[in-house]
Amino acid sequence: MLGALLLVAAAGISCVGASSAAAGKAPVEPVTRPLGAIVPAPASVRPAGSPYTLTAATRIRVDQDAGGAVAAGEYLAGVLRPSTGYPLPVTDDTGRGGILLRLSARDTALGDEGYRLQSGRGGVTLTARTPTGLFRAVQTLRQQLPARIERRTVQPGPWTVAGGTITDTPRYGWRGAMLDVSRHFFTVDQVKRYVDQLALYKINKLHLHLSDDQGWRIAIDSWPRLATYGGSTQVGGGPGGYYTKDDYKAIVAYATSRHMEVVPEIDLPGHTNAALASYAELNCDGVAPPLYTGTNVGFSSLCVPKEVTYDFVDDVIRELAALTPGKYLHIGGDEAHSTSHADYVAFMARVQPVVAKYGKTVVGWHQITGATPAPGALAQYWGLDGTSAAEKEQVAAAARAGTGLILSPADRIYLDMKYDRNTKLGLSWAGYVEVQRAYDWNPAAYLPGAPAGAIRGVEAPLWTETISENAHIDQMAFPRLPGVAELGWSPAAAHDWPSYKLRLAAQGPRLTALGIDYYRSPQVPWETER
C-alpha cells in the first residue's frame, strides 16, 4: 500500500510538471502538493477529500494546559505569519476549523516521535502522543504547503493542504548530523541556523565535534588554556574561537527547542594536538608541540601511561557532562595511529567508565570495537564499501555482542565529500558522492554480519577542512542531507530512488525560499516556483 501511495504521489508531482517538461522547462511547483509528497516519506499516506485552505481567519488551536502543544503552535505560527500575512492567533478556542494541535497519551502506537495529520475542507488536525511528535507533525505540515511559505515577506496564496490522513513514525531512533567546529570554528548563530535546517527534515541528533588537532572549542574551567590557547587557531591559521559554557548552553537550549539532542564529542586519545599544545604535561616527553593548522591526521596522542592524562579526561568529561542534558557523550577513538594497540585498549578501559560515572552513555567511532566497548555503548561506523572484510567483521562481531551501531559510511554520507571532480569544496579521499549514491543504500543490510536490530540509525558527518562559512555548509549538506534523513525516518518499503528524486526536486524551491544555496545536482529534475 505504501509503495502504491508513493507512486501515486510521485505521479501527481510529475503530471503537474509534464507540460513544462515537454516544453523543455523545469517542472513547476503545483498549487496543492500531493499528500505525502514530502521528505522524509511518511509511513502511511491516505489521500481523501478536499484540501484545506488557510485564510486570514485561520486560528491555530491548542490545549493551553499542554505546554508542548502551545510551543509547537507558536513555532508553527512563527513559520506561517511572515509569508501569509495572516494573524494566525494561537488560542485555546474550542471552536471548529483552523489548525488544531492536540496531544493524546492514548495514541501509544505513535511512540515518542510519531504523529497523525488529518486534513480536509474544514481544517487540519495534528495529533501526537508527545510534544516531540507534535513538532515533527509541524514539519510535515510545512512541507505540504507551497514552498514560498518559508519566505520572510508576504507572498501570494493560495495556501492549501491536500486532503487525507498521514500516520507517521520513524524507522530509527538515531537520525543525526555531525558538524565539525574544530577544523573551522562556527559561531553560536551559525550552529543555530544549521539546527533550523536539520529540524525541517526531522533530524533528532546534533553531534558537535568539539576538539581536534586544529582547535579546542569548549571552555573547561579546570583546564582553561584548552580553549584560550588551544582554540586560538584553525585550519589555514585563522583566528579560531571557542564556546563559553553559556554559549554551549545556548546551543543546547536552541536544539532542545527544535526537539534535537546535542551529542558532544571530545576526540581521544588521538586528534589531540590542540590539547597537547595547551598543556605540556599531557605529552609523554613533557614538551608541548606547536599549534597545528594543517589537515593531516593520526600524528597526535595523549600520553596513555601518565596519570595526569586521566585527571585531564575526568575533568573534561565531568564538566561537559554537566552542561549536556542528553544521554550521550562521544569520545572519538578514531585514527589513533600514534597510540599503540595495547595503549589504546588500556586507555579505553579507563576512559569509558568515566563517561558512565558522570551519567552518560559512550559513543565512539567504530575503532572502539578494537578495544572492549562498554555495556550499552554505540559505535559509529565510518568505513567504506571497500573497507577490509576483517575490519567490517570486527564491528559486526561487536554488534552481535550487544554494541549498537550508528552508520556513517564515508563514501555514502560524509557531507564533505565532493559530488564530482568539478566540485570546488570538499575532499575526495572516500570518492565522489553524488545525491543518488548518498541515498541509495539500505542501513539494515549495509554491514555484513551485523544484526539489523543492532542498527540504531544513521548520521551524516560534515567535516570542515574546506568548510568555513554558511554558504559552504549549504552547498555540501544540501541536497544530500534530506536523503540521509529519509534513510533514518522512512520505512524500508518507501526506499525508491525514482520516487525520491521527484520528492527531492520539490524541495528545491523550498530550500531557495529558506536562503539555502544548495547544489543543483544534475541527477534531480528540480522544480521551480509557481
Protein backbone atom coordinates (compact mmCIF):
# COMPACT_ATOMS: atom_id res chain seq x y z
CA MET A 1 0.00 0.00 0.00
CA LEU A 2 2.77 2.43 0.93
CA GLY A 3 4.63 1.85 -2.33
CA ALA A 4 1.47 2.41 -4.34
CA LEU A 5 0.71 5.60 -2.48
CA LEU A 6 4.21 6.91 -3.08
CA LEU A 7 3.89 6.14 -6.76
CA VAL A 8 0.58 7.99 -6.83
CA ALA A 9 2.21 10.96 -5.10
CA ALA A 10 5.15 10.88 -7.50
CA ALA A 11 2.75 10.73 -10.42
CA GLY A 12 0.97 13.77 -9.03
CA ILE A 13 4.21 15.70 -9.00
CA SER A 14 5.30 14.59 -12.43
CA CYS A 15 1.92 15.23 -14.05
CA VAL A 16 1.91 18.80 -12.78
CA GLY A 17 5.22 19.40 -14.49
CA ALA A 18 4.53 17.33 -17.61
CA SER A 19 3.71 20.26 -19.88
CA SER A 20 6.74 22.18 -18.65
CA ALA A 21 8.99 19.18 -19.22
CA ALA A 22 7.57 18.70 -22.70
CA ALA A 23 8.43 22.30 -23.47
CA GLY A 24 11.97 21.79 -22.21
CA LYS A 25 11.38 23.72 -19.00
CA ALA A 26 11.84 22.70 -15.36
CA PRO A 27 8.73 21.27 -13.65
CA VAL A 28 6.66 23.92 -11.86
CA GLU A 29 5.56 23.61 -8.25
CA PRO A 30 1.88 22.54 -8.07
CA VAL A 31 -0.76 24.69 -6.41
CA THR A 32 -1.53 21.86 -3.97
CA ARG A 33 1.28 19.48 -3.03
CA PRO A 34 0.08 15.83 -3.26
CA LEU A 35 -0.41 14.42 0.22
CA GLY A 36 2.76 12.77 1.46
CA ALA A 37 4.96 14.06 -1.36
CA ILE A 38 7.48 15.28 1.20
CA VAL A 39 10.89 14.37 2.63
CA PRO A 40 11.21 12.12 4.58
CA ALA A 41 8.45 9.97 3.09
CA PRO A 42 5.73 9.24 5.68
CA ALA A 43 4.95 5.70 6.82
CA SER A 44 1.29 5.80 5.76
CA VAL A 45 -0.48 8.19 3.38
CA ARG A 46 -4.21 8.05 2.61
CA PRO A 47 -5.34 10.85 0.28
CA ALA A 48 -9.04 11.66 0.59
CA GLY A 49 -11.43 14.53 0.23
CA SER A 50 -10.94 18.21 -0.40
CA PRO A 51 -7.92 20.30 0.59
CA TYR A 52 -7.86 22.78 3.42
CA THR A 53 -7.06 26.40 2.61
CA LEU A 54 -5.52 28.77 5.15
CA THR A 55 -7.18 32.18 5.26
CA ALA A 56 -6.89 35.37 7.27
CA ALA A 57 -9.48 33.87 9.64
CA THR A 58 -7.47 30.71 10.38
CA ARG A 59 -6.69 30.07 14.02
CA ILE A 60 -4.08 27.74 15.48
CA ARG A 61 -5.91 25.96 18.28
CA VAL A 62 -4.05 24.24 21.11
CA ASP A 63 -4.73 22.90 24.57
CA GLN A 64 -3.34 25.64 26.81
CA ASP A 65 -2.80 23.07 29.56
CA ALA A 66 -0.37 21.18 27.33
CA GLY A 67 2.81 23.26 27.20
CA GLY A 68 4.27 21.18 24.40
CA ALA A 69 1.26 21.88 22.22
CA VAL A 70 1.48 25.61 22.89
CA ALA A 71 5.19 25.69 21.99
CA ALA A 72 4.55 23.79 18.76
CA GLY A 73 1.67 26.12 17.92
CA GLU A 74 3.78 29.22 18.48
CA TYR A 75 6.58 27.73 16.37
CA LEU A 76 4.12 26.98 13.55
CA ALA A 77 2.69 30.49 13.73
CA GLY A 78 6.23 31.88 13.50
CA VAL A 79 6.75 29.98 10.26
CA LEU A 80 3.41 30.89 8.67
CA ARG A 81 2.79 34.52 9.63
CA PRO A 82 5.54 36.31 7.66
CA SER A 83 4.70 34.73 4.29
CA THR A 84 0.91 34.63 4.58
CA GLY A 85 0.50 37.99 6.29
CA TYR A 86 -2.28 36.39 8.36
CA PRO A 87 -2.54 36.96 12.15
CA LEU A 88 -2.90 33.21 12.90
CA PRO A 89 -3.55 33.59 16.63
CA VAL A 90 -2.53 30.68 18.85
CA THR A 91 -5.56 30.12 21.03
CA ASP A 92 -7.36 27.63 23.27
CA ASP A 93 -10.56 28.38 21.34
CA THR A 94 -12.64 25.19 21.42
CA GLY A 95 -14.44 26.04 18.19
CA ARG A 96 -14.09 24.17 14.93
CA GLY A 97 -11.87 24.60 11.91
CA GLY A 98 -8.41 26.08 11.54
CA ILE A 99 -5.35 24.11 12.61
CA LEU A 100 -5.70 22.02 15.76
CA LEU A 101 -2.65 20.72 17.64
CA ARG A 102 -3.51 18.04 20.18
CA LEU A 103 -1.58 15.74 22.50
CA SER A 104 -3.13 12.35 23.12
CA ALA A 105 -1.49 9.99 25.60
CA ARG A 106 -3.83 7.23 24.39
CA ASP A 107 -2.19 7.12 20.94
CA THR A 108 0.59 4.84 22.15
CA ALA A 109 1.22 3.44 18.65
CA LEU A 110 2.61 6.84 17.66
CA GLY A 111 5.54 6.39 20.06
CA ASP A 112 7.83 9.21 21.10
CA GLU A 113 8.13 10.91 17.72
CA GLY A 114 5.16 9.78 15.67
CA TYR A 115 2.12 11.84 14.69
CA ARG A 116 -1.07 11.87 12.69
CA LEU A 117 -2.05 14.65 10.27
CA GLN A 118 -5.67 14.83 9.15
CA SER A 119 -6.66 17.40 6.54
CA GLY A 120 -9.96 18.29 4.94
CA ARG A 121 -12.05 21.23 3.86
CA GLY A 122 -12.92 22.05 7.48
CA GLY A 123 -9.39 22.20 8.87
CA VAL A 124 -6.18 20.37 9.75
CA THR A 125 -5.62 18.34 12.93
CA LEU A 126 -2.17 17.34 14.15
CA THR A 127 -2.16 14.62 16.82
CA ALA A 128 0.80 13.19 18.72
CA ARG A 129 1.49 11.39 21.98
CA THR A 130 4.40 13.73 22.86
CA PRO A 131 5.46 17.32 22.17
CA THR A 132 8.29 15.92 20.03
CA GLY A 133 5.79 14.09 17.84
CA LEU A 134 3.76 17.26 17.51
CA PHE A 135 6.87 19.16 16.42
CA ARG A 136 7.57 16.50 13.77
CA ALA A 137 3.97 16.90 12.56
CA VAL A 138 4.52 20.63 12.13
CA GLN A 139 7.45 19.92 9.81
CA THR A 140 5.21 17.75 7.66
CA LEU A 141 2.55 20.45 7.53
CA ARG A 142 5.17 22.98 6.42
CA GLN A 143 6.18 20.80 3.51
CA GLN A 144 2.59 20.24 2.42
CA LEU A 145 2.22 23.99 1.90
CA PRO A 146 3.75 25.80 -1.10
CA ALA A 147 7.48 26.41 -0.79
CA ARG A 148 7.06 30.18 -0.57
CA ILE A 149 5.54 29.63 2.89
CA GLU A 150 9.17 29.67 4.08
CA ARG A 151 9.83 33.24 2.93
CA ARG A 152 10.02 36.07 5.44
CA THR A 153 7.95 38.54 3.41
CA VAL A 154 4.27 38.42 2.41
CA GLN A 155 3.69 36.14 -0.58
CA PRO A 156 0.64 35.47 -2.76
CA GLY A 157 -1.60 32.50 -1.90
CA PRO A 158 -3.45 30.25 -2.09
CA TRP A 159 -2.20 28.24 0.90
CA THR A 160 -3.68 24.78 0.52
CA VAL A 161 -3.05 21.45 2.25
CA ALA A 162 -4.15 18.32 0.40
CA GLY A 163 -6.95 16.31 1.99
CA GLY A 164 -6.42 12.96 3.69
CA THR A 165 -4.52 11.35 6.55
CA ILE A 166 -0.83 10.83 7.21
CA THR A 167 0.15 8.48 10.04
CA ASP A 168 3.87 8.50 10.62
CA THR A 169 6.54 7.04 12.91
CA PRO A 170 10.32 6.85 12.43
CA ARG A 171 12.26 3.76 11.34
CA TYR A 172 15.26 4.55 13.56
CA GLY A 173 15.67 6.44 16.81
CA TRP A 174 19.03 7.98 15.81
CA ARG A 175 18.90 10.37 12.87
CA GLY A 176 21.90 12.57 13.24
CA ALA A 177 24.05 15.24 11.66
CA MET A 178 27.58 15.97 12.82
CA LEU A 179 29.15 19.42 12.49
CA ASP A 180 32.91 19.67 12.89
CA VAL A 181 33.54 23.01 14.59
CA SER A 182 37.20 22.16 15.27
CA ARG A 183 38.80 22.33 11.82
CA HIS A 184 36.91 25.60 11.27
CA PHE A 185 35.02 27.32 14.06
CA PHE A 186 31.34 28.19 13.66
CA THR A 187 29.56 30.70 15.88
CA VAL A 188 26.51 30.04 18.02
CA ASP A 189 24.28 31.73 15.43
CA GLN A 190 25.75 29.63 12.62
CA VAL A 191 25.08 26.45 14.57
CA LYS A 192 21.53 27.58 15.29
CA ARG A 193 21.00 28.18 11.58
CA TYR A 194 22.07 24.62 10.85
CA VAL A 195 19.77 23.32 13.61
CA ASP A 196 16.80 25.00 11.93
CA GLN A 197 17.73 23.43 8.61
CA LEU A 198 18.02 20.00 10.18
CA ALA A 199 14.70 20.31 12.00
CA LEU A 200 12.75 20.55 8.73
CA TYR A 201 13.84 17.00 7.89
CA LYS A 202 13.16 15.51 11.33
CA ILE A 203 16.83 15.11 12.34
CA ASN A 204 16.95 14.45 16.08
CA LYS A 205 20.67 14.37 16.98
CA LEU A 206 23.20 17.21 16.61
CA HIS A 207 26.70 15.77 17.06
CA LEU A 208 29.24 18.54 17.72
CA HIS A 209 32.89 17.63 17.10
CA LEU A 210 34.35 19.95 19.74
CA SER A 211 38.05 19.07 19.74
CA ASP A 212 40.71 18.09 17.26
CA ASP A 213 44.31 18.79 16.31
CA GLN A 214 43.40 22.21 14.89
CA GLY A 215 41.26 23.58 17.70
CA TRP A 216 39.63 23.03 21.09
CA ARG A 217 36.18 24.63 21.10
CA ILE A 218 34.63 24.32 24.57
CA ALA A 219 35.66 26.14 27.75
CA ILE A 220 36.80 23.82 30.54
CA ASP A 221 37.23 25.70 33.82
CA SER A 222 39.76 23.27 35.30
CA TRP A 223 41.96 23.44 32.17
CA PRO A 224 41.38 26.98 30.84
CA ARG A 225 44.19 27.03 28.27
CA LEU A 226 42.40 24.36 26.24
CA ALA A 227 40.02 27.00 24.93
CA THR A 228 42.01 30.22 25.21
CA TYR A 229 45.17 28.81 23.62
CA GLY A 230 44.12 25.52 22.03
CA GLY A 231 41.09 27.22 20.49
CA SER A 232 43.02 30.19 19.11
CA THR A 233 43.51 28.86 15.58
CA GLN A 234 42.00 26.63 12.89
CA VAL A 235 42.84 25.09 9.51
CA GLY A 236 44.80 27.60 7.48
CA GLY A 237 45.74 29.65 10.54
CA GLY A 238 42.58 31.69 11.02
CA PRO A 239 41.56 33.11 14.40
CA GLY A 240 39.63 30.06 15.58
CA GLY A 241 37.35 30.56 18.56
CA TYR A 242 35.58 28.62 21.27
CA TYR A 243 32.27 28.36 23.07
CA THR A 244 31.96 29.64 26.59
CA LYS A 245 29.81 27.49 28.81
CA ASP A 246 26.96 29.94 28.30
CA ASP A 247 27.45 29.69 24.53
CA TYR A 248 27.25 25.94 24.68
CA LYS A 249 24.16 26.09 26.89
CA ALA A 250 22.56 28.41 24.32
CA ILE A 251 23.20 25.89 21.56
CA VAL A 252 21.80 23.06 23.67
CA ALA A 253 18.71 25.09 24.58
CA TYR A 254 18.07 26.04 20.95
CA ALA A 255 18.50 22.46 19.77
CA THR A 256 16.16 21.31 22.54
CA SER A 257 13.53 23.80 21.38
CA ARG A 258 13.75 22.05 17.98
CA HIS A 259 13.49 18.65 19.69
CA MET A 260 17.08 17.79 18.90
CA GLU A 261 19.59 16.24 21.31
CA VAL A 262 23.15 17.57 21.36
CA VAL A 263 25.84 14.87 21.41
CA PRO A 264 29.20 16.49 22.27
CA GLU A 265 32.42 14.87 21.14
CA ILE A 266 35.89 15.14 22.66
CA ASP A 267 38.13 13.08 20.36
CA LEU A 268 40.51 10.84 22.35
CA PRO A 269 43.30 9.70 22.54
CA GLY A 270 44.32 10.90 19.06
CA HIS A 271 43.28 14.11 17.29
CA THR A 272 44.53 15.89 20.41
CA ASN A 273 47.24 18.30 19.26
CA ALA A 274 45.29 21.36 20.44
CA ALA A 275 45.21 19.89 23.95
CA LEU A 276 48.84 18.76 23.82
CA ALA A 277 49.91 22.25 22.71
CA SER A 278 47.95 23.79 25.57
CA TYR A 279 49.41 21.65 28.38
CA ALA A 280 52.93 20.25 28.18
CA GLU A 281 52.28 17.69 30.93
CA LEU A 282 49.85 15.80 28.66
CA ASN A 283 52.80 14.84 26.45
CA CYS A 284 54.96 11.84 27.32
CA ASP A 285 58.13 13.94 26.94
CA GLY A 286 56.67 16.93 28.81
CA VAL A 287 57.19 19.19 25.80
CA ALA A 288 54.23 20.99 24.24
CA PRO A 289 54.13 20.84 20.42
CA PRO A 290 53.23 23.95 18.42
CA LEU A 291 49.65 24.67 17.46
CA TYR A 292 48.65 22.93 14.24
CA THR A 293 46.77 24.38 11.27
CA GLY A 294 47.19 21.65 8.65
CA THR A 295 44.93 18.77 7.69
CA ASN A 296 46.99 15.63 8.25
CA VAL A 297 45.68 13.10 10.77
CA GLY A 298 47.00 10.40 13.06
CA PHE A 299 50.13 12.09 14.42
CA SER A 300 48.97 13.09 17.92
CA SER A 301 48.23 11.12 21.06
CA LEU A 302 47.66 11.69 24.74
CA CYS A 303 50.26 10.01 26.94
CA VAL A 304 48.45 6.84 27.99
CA PRO A 305 50.82 5.80 30.86
CA LYS A 306 50.64 9.16 32.68
CA GLU A 307 48.13 9.55 35.50
CA VAL A 308 47.68 13.21 34.66
CA THR A 309 46.06 12.09 31.41
CA TYR A 310 43.19 10.56 33.37
CA ASP A 311 42.88 13.59 35.64
CA PHE A 312 42.51 15.61 32.45
CA VAL A 313 39.95 13.23 30.92
CA ASP A 314 37.93 13.08 34.13
CA ASP A 315 37.77 16.86 34.43
CA VAL A 316 36.79 17.39 30.80
CA ILE A 317 34.09 14.72 30.81
CA ARG A 318 32.75 15.88 34.19
CA GLU A 319 32.39 19.49 33.08
CA LEU A 320 30.99 18.63 29.65
CA ALA A 321 28.53 16.09 31.04
CA ALA A 322 27.25 18.69 33.50
CA LEU A 323 26.46 21.02 30.58
CA THR A 324 24.77 18.34 28.47
CA PRO A 325 21.25 17.18 29.35
CA GLY A 326 21.26 14.47 26.67
CA LYS A 327 22.08 10.82 27.21
CA TYR A 328 25.26 10.52 25.14
CA LEU A 329 28.87 11.68 25.16
CA HIS A 330 31.15 10.88 22.22
CA ILE A 331 34.79 10.05 22.99
CA GLY A 332 36.07 9.76 19.44
CA GLY A 333 38.66 7.00 19.24
CA ASP A 334 39.42 7.14 15.51
CA GLU A 335 42.75 7.42 13.70
CA ALA A 336 44.84 6.97 16.85
CA HIS A 337 47.78 5.92 14.70
CA SER A 338 50.34 7.25 17.20
CA THR A 339 48.90 5.17 20.03
CA SER A 340 49.94 1.53 20.25
CA HIS A 341 47.16 -1.04 20.21
CA ALA A 342 47.95 -2.05 23.80
CA ASP A 343 47.85 1.57 24.94
CA TYR A 344 44.62 2.17 23.02
CA VAL A 345 42.91 -0.78 24.71
CA ALA A 346 44.20 0.33 28.14
CA PHE A 347 43.07 3.91 27.53
CA MET A 348 39.54 2.91 26.52
CA ALA A 349 39.29 0.58 29.51
CA ARG A 350 39.91 3.54 31.82
CA VAL A 351 38.01 6.26 29.97
CA GLN A 352 34.71 4.56 29.21
CA PRO A 353 33.85 4.11 32.92
CA VAL A 354 34.45 7.84 33.42
CA VAL A 355 31.65 8.57 30.95
CA ALA A 356 29.34 6.26 32.90
CA LYS A 357 30.43 7.82 36.20
CA TYR A 358 29.03 11.15 35.03
CA GLY A 359 25.76 9.66 33.85
CA LYS A 360 26.34 9.42 30.12
CA THR A 361 26.44 6.62 27.55
CA VAL A 362 29.57 6.16 25.45
CA VAL A 363 29.57 6.80 21.72
CA GLY A 364 32.78 6.29 19.78
CA TRP A 365 33.95 5.92 16.23
CA HIS A 366 33.95 2.27 15.20
CA GLN A 367 37.62 1.80 16.12
CA ILE A 368 36.46 1.43 19.73
CA THR A 369 35.37 -2.09 18.74
CA GLY A 370 39.10 -2.87 18.64
CA ALA A 371 39.01 -2.47 22.41
CA THR A 372 36.08 -3.63 24.55
CA PRO A 373 33.06 -1.33 24.16
CA ALA A 374 31.30 -0.55 27.43
CA PRO A 375 27.86 -2.06 28.04
CA GLY A 376 25.32 -0.01 26.11
CA ALA A 377 27.98 1.81 24.06
CA LEU A 378 27.33 2.83 20.47
CA ALA A 379 29.94 2.51 17.72
CA GLN A 380 29.76 4.93 14.81
CA TYR A 381 30.85 3.18 11.62
CA TRP A 382 32.55 5.43 9.07
CA GLY A 383 34.18 2.84 6.81
CA LEU A 384 33.76 2.48 3.07
CA ASP A 385 32.21 -0.07 0.78
CA GLY A 386 35.81 -1.17 0.21
CA THR A 387 36.86 -1.35 3.87
CA SER A 388 38.55 -4.68 4.60
CA ALA A 389 36.39 -7.65 5.48
CA ALA A 390 38.37 -8.07 8.72
CA GLU A 391 37.60 -4.56 9.91
CA LYS A 392 33.93 -4.90 9.00
CA GLU A 393 33.76 -8.22 10.84
CA GLN A 394 35.31 -6.65 13.94
CA VAL A 395 32.47 -4.13 14.02
CA ALA A 396 29.84 -6.74 13.19
CA ALA A 397 31.11 -9.01 15.97
CA ALA A 398 30.76 -6.18 18.46
CA ALA A 399 27.23 -5.60 17.20
CA ARG A 400 26.40 -9.28 17.68
CA ALA A 401 27.74 -8.96 21.24
CA GLY A 402 25.39 -6.08 22.01
CA THR A 403 27.09 -2.88 20.82
CA GLY A 404 24.66 -0.64 18.94
CA LEU A 405 25.72 0.82 15.58
CA ILE A 406 25.29 4.25 14.05
CA LEU A 407 26.03 4.12 10.32
CA SER A 408 28.02 6.95 8.72
CA PRO A 409 29.76 5.28 5.75
CA ALA A 410 32.18 7.86 4.40
CA ASP A 411 31.63 7.03 0.74
CA ARG A 412 27.89 7.35 1.20
CA ILE A 413 27.01 10.10 3.67
CA TYR A 414 30.13 12.09 4.55
CA LEU A 415 28.82 15.50 3.51
CA ASP A 416 32.33 16.87 2.99
CA MET A 417 32.98 14.51 0.07
CA LYS A 418 32.93 16.16 -3.35
CA TYR A 419 29.95 15.47 -5.60
CA ASP A 420 32.23 15.05 -8.61
CA ARG A 421 35.69 16.08 -9.80
CA ASN A 422 34.49 19.63 -10.54
CA THR A 423 33.21 20.32 -7.01
CA LYS A 424 35.23 23.22 -5.59
CA LEU A 425 34.73 22.42 -1.90
CA GLY A 426 35.31 19.23 0.00
CA LEU A 427 37.62 16.26 -0.17
CA SER A 428 37.66 13.08 -2.25
CA TRP A 429 39.64 10.50 -0.26
CA ALA A 430 36.47 8.39 0.07
CA GLY A 431 35.48 9.01 -3.55
CA TYR A 432 32.84 11.19 -5.13
CA VAL A 433 29.38 11.11 -3.56
CA GLU A 434 26.52 12.30 -5.74
CA VAL A 435 22.95 12.56 -4.47
CA GLN A 436 21.82 9.12 -5.62
CA ARG A 437 24.81 7.39 -4.03
CA ALA A 438 24.12 9.13 -0.71
CA TYR A 439 20.52 7.90 -0.77
CA ASP A 440 20.57 4.53 -2.49
CA TRP A 441 21.66 2.08 0.22
CA ASN A 442 19.91 0.18 3.00
CA PRO A 443 21.18 0.71 6.56
CA ALA A 444 19.71 -2.58 7.77
CA ALA A 445 21.69 -4.61 5.21
CA TYR A 446 24.79 -2.43 4.85
CA LEU A 447 27.30 -4.10 7.18
CA PRO A 448 27.75 -7.85 6.58
CA GLY A 449 27.22 -9.92 9.70
CA ALA A 450 25.71 -7.09 11.78
CA PRO A 451 22.18 -7.88 13.02
CA ALA A 452 19.57 -5.50 11.66
CA GLY A 453 18.42 -4.97 15.24
CA ALA A 454 21.83 -3.55 16.18
CA ILE A 455 21.42 -0.60 13.82
CA ARG A 456 20.36 2.39 15.90
CA GLY A 457 20.26 4.75 12.94
CA VAL A 458 22.28 6.93 10.61
CA GLU A 459 24.30 10.12 10.88
CA ALA A 460 25.70 12.46 8.23
CA PRO A 461 29.04 14.00 9.30
CA LEU A 462 30.23 17.31 7.86
CA TRP A 463 33.97 17.66 8.38
CA THR A 464 35.22 21.17 7.78
CA GLU A 465 38.77 21.14 6.43
CA THR A 466 37.45 23.15 3.44
CA ILE A 467 34.20 24.42 5.00
CA SER A 468 34.36 27.80 6.71
CA GLU A 469 31.07 29.66 6.14
CA ASN A 470 27.32 29.17 5.87
CA ALA A 471 27.38 29.06 2.08
CA HIS A 472 29.80 26.14 2.23
CA ILE A 473 27.52 24.22 4.61
CA ASP A 474 24.60 24.85 2.26
CA GLN A 475 26.44 23.55 -0.80
CA MET A 476 27.75 20.38 0.82
CA ALA A 477 24.85 19.40 3.08
CA PHE A 478 22.09 20.10 0.58
CA PRO A 479 20.65 18.21 -1.18
CA ARG A 480 22.33 15.10 0.31
CA LEU A 481 21.20 15.63 3.91
CA PRO A 482 17.46 15.19 3.19
CA GLY A 483 18.21 11.76 1.75
CA VAL A 484 20.05 10.73 4.90
CA ALA A 485 17.08 11.96 6.93
CA GLU A 486 14.80 9.78 4.83
CA LEU A 487 17.03 6.72 5.35
CA GLY A 488 16.68 7.28 9.07
CA TRP A 489 12.98 8.10 9.23
CA SER A 490 11.07 6.36 6.45
CA PRO A 491 10.15 2.66 6.32
CA ALA A 492 12.28 0.41 4.13
CA ALA A 493 9.31 -0.03 1.78
CA ALA A 494 9.49 3.68 0.92
CA HIS A 495 13.07 3.41 -0.33
CA ASP A 496 12.83 4.12 -4.04
CA TRP A 497 15.17 6.44 -5.95
CA PRO A 498 12.80 7.23 -8.87
CA SER A 499 10.12 8.37 -6.42
CA TYR A 500 12.56 10.05 -4.05
CA LYS A 501 14.26 12.20 -6.69
CA LEU A 502 10.88 13.72 -7.59
CA ARG A 503 10.09 14.48 -3.97
CA LEU A 504 13.60 15.89 -3.57
CA ALA A 505 13.09 18.00 -6.71
CA ALA A 506 10.14 19.61 -4.96
CA GLN A 507 12.47 20.68 -2.15
CA GLY A 508 14.41 22.98 -4.49
CA PRO A 509 12.04 25.96 -4.25
CA ARG A 510 11.72 25.41 -0.50
CA LEU A 511 15.48 25.44 0.02
CA THR A 512 15.70 28.61 -2.06
CA ALA A 513 12.92 30.24 -0.02
CA LEU A 514 14.87 29.37 3.12
CA GLY A 515 18.01 31.05 1.75
CA ILE A 516 19.88 27.76 1.28
CA ASP A 517 22.10 27.88 -1.80
CA TYR A 518 22.05 24.14 -2.47
CA TYR A 519 23.97 22.15 -5.10
CA ARG A 520 21.83 21.71 -8.22
CA SER A 521 22.60 18.07 -8.86
CA PRO A 522 22.01 17.06 -12.48
CA GLN A 523 20.56 13.79 -11.15
CA VAL A 524 17.45 15.63 -9.90
CA PRO A 525 14.73 17.30 -12.08
CA TRP A 526 14.47 20.38 -9.88
CA GLU A 527 11.15 22.18 -9.64
CA THR A 528 10.83 25.92 -9.97
CA GLU A 529 8.42 28.12 -8.04
CA ARG A 530 4.99 28.68 -9.48
